[in-house]
Amino acid sequence: MENETLSDAVVEALRTVYDPEIPLNIYELGLVYGVEIDDGGRVSIRMTLTSPNCPEAQVLPARVKQAVLDVEGVTGADVEIVWDPPWSTERMSEAAKLQLGLL
């Protein structure tokens, strides 16, 4: 599978993972800071959480990893939680802001 096609499939997989406290997927919420795919199909994801005290902090990264591993062509996945830059509503897509009544 071409890297661009694989990248699109990975993003679609990320859109299936929802934040447990906000009824939106993590991609539209802006929690995903970066997705890199090497030539062998291994995916590295940099993401954050809405809060360092998120009750799902231990579970959400595992759900993200599994969603990505389920994508055909992905040979492995790593999920790194980062806190810099801190998440804010400004990172959300316009569609997400609209859905939450922020626009």
C-alpha atoms as a PDB file:
ATOM      1  CA  MET A   1       0.000   0.000   0.000  1.00  0.00           C
ATOM      2  CA  GLU A   2       1.345   3.461  -0.862  1.00  0.00           C
ATOM      3  CA  ASN A   3       2.311   5.666   2.075  1.00  0.00           C
ATOM      4  CA  GLU A   4      -0.284   8.309   1.169  1.00  0.00           C
ATOM      5  CA  THR A   5      -3.067   5.741   0.998  1.00  0.00           C
ATOM      6  CA  LEU A   6      -1.856   4.155   4.227  1.00  0.00           C
ATOM      7  CA  SER A   7      -1.719   7.577   5.858  1.00  0.00           C
ATOM      8  CA  ASP A   8      -5.346   8.244   4.868  1.00  0.00           C
ATOM      9  CA  ALA A   9      -6.385   4.863   6.275  1.00  0.00           C
ATOM     10  CA  VAL A  10      -4.568   5.561   9.546  1.00  0.00           C
ATOM     11  CA  VAL A  11      -6.308   8.938   9.900  1.00  0.00           C
ATOM     12  CA  GLU A  12      -9.662   7.255   9.282  1.00  0.00           C
ATOM     13  CA  ALA A  13      -8.812   4.729  12.014  1.00  0.00           C
ATOM     14  CA  LEU A  14      -7.951   7.575  14.393  1.00  0.00           C
ATOM     15  CA  ARG A  15     -11.357   9.083  13.667  1.00  0.00           C
ATOM     16  CA  THR A  16     -12.959   5.945  15.133  1.00  0.00           C
ATOM     17  CA  VAL A  17     -11.437   6.591  18.571  1.00  0.00           C
ATOM     18  CA  TYR A  18     -13.540   8.889  20.705  1.00  0.00           C
ATOM     19  CA  ASP A  19     -12.591  10.937  23.722  1.00  0.00           C
ATOM     20  CA  PRO A  20     -14.509   9.496  26.675  1.00  0.00           C
ATOM     21  CA  GLU A  21     -15.540  12.896  28.057  1.00  0.00           C
ATOM     22  CA  ILE A  22     -16.195  14.868  24.871  1.00  0.00           C
ATOM     23  CA  PRO A  23     -18.376  13.168  22.257  1.00  0.00           C
ATOM     24  CA  LEU A  24     -15.897  13.707  19.422  1.00  0.00           C
ATOM     25  CA  ASN A  25     -13.112  11.664  17.911  1.00  0.00           C
ATOM     26  CA  ILE A  26      -9.541  12.361  18.942  1.00  0.00           C
ATOM     27  CA  TYR A  27      -8.506  13.479  15.457  1.00  0.00           C
ATOM     28  CA  GLU A  28     -11.148  16.209  15.138  1.00  0.00           C
ATOM     29  CA  LEU A  29     -10.485  17.255  18.736  1.00  0.00           C
ATOM     30  CA  GLY A  30      -6.905  18.020  17.754  1.00  0.00           C
ATOM     31  CA  LEU A  31      -5.416  15.509  20.177  1.00  0.00           C
ATOM     32  CA  VAL A  32      -3.253  13.981  17.442  1.00  0.00           C
ATOM     33  CA  TYR A  33      -0.148  16.114  16.967  1.00  0.00           C
ATOM     34  CA  GLY A  34       1.628  13.958  14.422  1.00  0.00           C
ATOM     35  CA  VAL A  35       1.497  10.719  12.451  1.00  0.00           C
ATOM     36  CA  GLU A  36       4.598   9.302  10.806  1.00  0.00           C
ATOM     37  CA  ILE A  37       4.782   6.127   8.768  1.00  0.00           C
ATOM     38  CA  ASP A  38       8.078   4.536   7.833  1.00  0.00           C
ATOM     39  CA  ASP A  39       8.697   2.607   4.623  1.00  0.00           C
ATOM     40  CA  GLY A  40       7.995  -0.661   6.429  1.00  0.00           C
ATOM     41  CA  GLY A  41       4.495   0.365   7.510  1.00  0.00           C
ATOM     42  CA  ARG A  42       5.326   1.137  11.149  1.00  0.00           C
ATOM     43  CA  VAL A  43       3.266   4.062  12.461  1.00  0.00           C
ATOM     44  CA  SER A  44       4.408   6.527  15.120  1.00  0.00           C
ATOM     45  CA  ILE A  45       1.752   8.745  16.664  1.00  0.00           C
ATOM     46  CA  ARG A  46       2.332  11.793  18.843  1.00  0.00           C
ATOM     47  CA  MET A  47      -0.776  12.790  20.724  1.00  0.00           C
ATOM     48  CA  THR A  48      -1.944  14.483  23.867  1.00  0.00           C
ATOM     49  CA  LEU A  49      -4.946  14.316  26.159  1.00  0.00           C
ATOM     50  CA  THR A  50      -7.337  17.099  27.078  1.00  0.00           C
ATOM     51  CA  SER A  51      -5.918  17.042  30.606  1.00  0.00           C
ATOM     52  CA  PRO A  52      -2.976  15.404  32.398  1.00  0.00           C
ATOM     53  CA  ASN A  53      -5.573  14.165  34.906  1.00  0.00           C
ATOM     54  CA  CYS A  54      -7.644  12.438  32.230  1.00  0.00           C
ATOM     55  CA  PRO A  55      -9.164   9.289  33.747  1.00  0.00           C
ATOM     56  CA  GLU A  56      -8.578   7.480  30.436  1.00  0.00           C
ATOM     57  CA  ALA A  57      -4.852   8.291  30.341  1.00  0.00           C
ATOM     58  CA  GLN A  58      -3.898   4.627  30.618  1.00  0.00           C
ATOM     59  CA  VAL A  59      -6.622   3.276  28.321  1.00  0.00           C
ATOM     60  CA  LEU A  60      -6.875   5.775  25.458  1.00  0.00           C
ATOM     61  CA  PRO A  61      -3.332   5.283  24.057  1.00  0.00           C
ATOM     62  CA  ALA A  62      -3.916   1.509  23.943  1.00  0.00           C
ATOM     63  CA  ARG A  63      -7.199   2.055  22.069  1.00  0.00           C
ATOM     64  CA  VAL A  64      -5.405   4.338  19.597  1.00  0.00           C
ATOM     65  CA  LYS A  65      -2.661   1.784  19.069  1.00  0.00           C
ATOM     66  CA  GLN A  66      -5.134  -1.020  18.458  1.00  0.00           C
ATOM     67  CA  ALA A  67      -7.185   1.052  16.008  1.00  0.00           C
ATOM     68  CA  VAL A  68      -4.039   1.775  13.996  1.00  0.00           C
ATOM     69  CA  LEU A  69      -2.815  -1.822  14.155  1.00  0.00           C
ATOM     70  CA  ASP A  70      -6.152  -2.914  12.651  1.00  0.00           C
ATOM     71  CA  VAL A  71      -5.391  -0.946   9.461  1.00  0.00           C
ATOM     72  CA  GLU A  72      -4.304  -3.163   6.588  1.00  0.00           C
ATOM     73  CA  GLY A  73      -0.667  -2.469   5.755  1.00  0.00           C
ATOM     74  CA  VAL A  74       0.333  -1.298   9.232  1.00  0.00           C
ATOM     75  CA  THR A  75       3.130  -3.485  10.577  1.00  0.00           C
ATOM     76  CA  GLY A  76       3.458  -1.872  14.002  1.00  0.00           C
ATOM     77  CA  ALA A  77       2.414   1.158  16.004  1.00  0.00           C
ATOM     78  CA  ASP A  78       3.837   3.348  18.743  1.00  0.00           C
ATOM     79  CA  VAL A  79       1.824   5.967  20.600  1.00  0.00           C
ATOM     80  CA  GLU A  80       3.655   8.723  22.453  1.00  0.00           C
ATOM     81  CA  ILE A  81       1.751  10.998  24.839  1.00  0.00           C
ATOM     82  CA  VAL A  82       3.159  14.532  24.869  1.00  0.00           C
ATOM     83  CA  TRP A  83       2.158  17.596  26.868  1.00  0.00           C
ATOM     84  CA  ASP A  84       3.882  20.291  24.848  1.00  0.00           C
ATOM     85  CA  PRO A  85       2.230  22.177  23.361  1.00  0.00           C
ATOM     86  CA  PRO A  86      -0.683  21.899  25.765  1.00  0.00           C
ATOM     87  CA  TRP A  87      -4.005  21.035  24.178  1.00  0.00           C
ATOM     88  CA  SER A  88      -6.592  23.805  23.814  1.00  0.00           C
ATOM     89  CA  THR A  89      -9.861  24.156  21.949  1.00  0.00           C
ATOM     90  CA  GLU A  90      -7.955  26.113  19.276  1.00  0.00           C
ATOM     91  CA  ARG A  91      -6.516  22.771  18.063  1.00  0.00           C
ATOM     92  CA  MET A  92     -10.004  21.450  17.252  1.00  0.00           C
ATOM     93  CA  SER A  93     -11.247  21.275  13.679  1.00  0.00           C
ATOM     94  CA  GLU A  94     -13.941  23.729  12.644  1.00  0.00           C
ATOM     95  CA  ALA A  95     -16.390  20.826  12.361  1.00  0.00           C
ATOM     96  CA  ALA A  96     -15.663  19.834  15.970  1.00  0.00           C
ATOM     97  CA  LYS A  97     -16.077  23.408  17.194  1.00  0.00           C
ATOM     98  CA  LEU A  98     -19.354  23.689  15.311  1.00  0.00           C
ATOM     99  CA  GLN A  99     -20.622  20.414  16.770  1.00  0.00           C
ATOM    100  CA  LEU A 100     -19.842  21.616  20.300  1.00  0.00           C
ATOM    101  CA  GLY A 101     -21.377  25.037  19.686  1.00  0.00           C
ATOM    102  CA  LEU A 102     -18.057  26.887  19.874  1.00  0.00           C
ATOM    103  CA  LEU A 103     -18.550  28.679  16.524  1.00  0.00           C
END
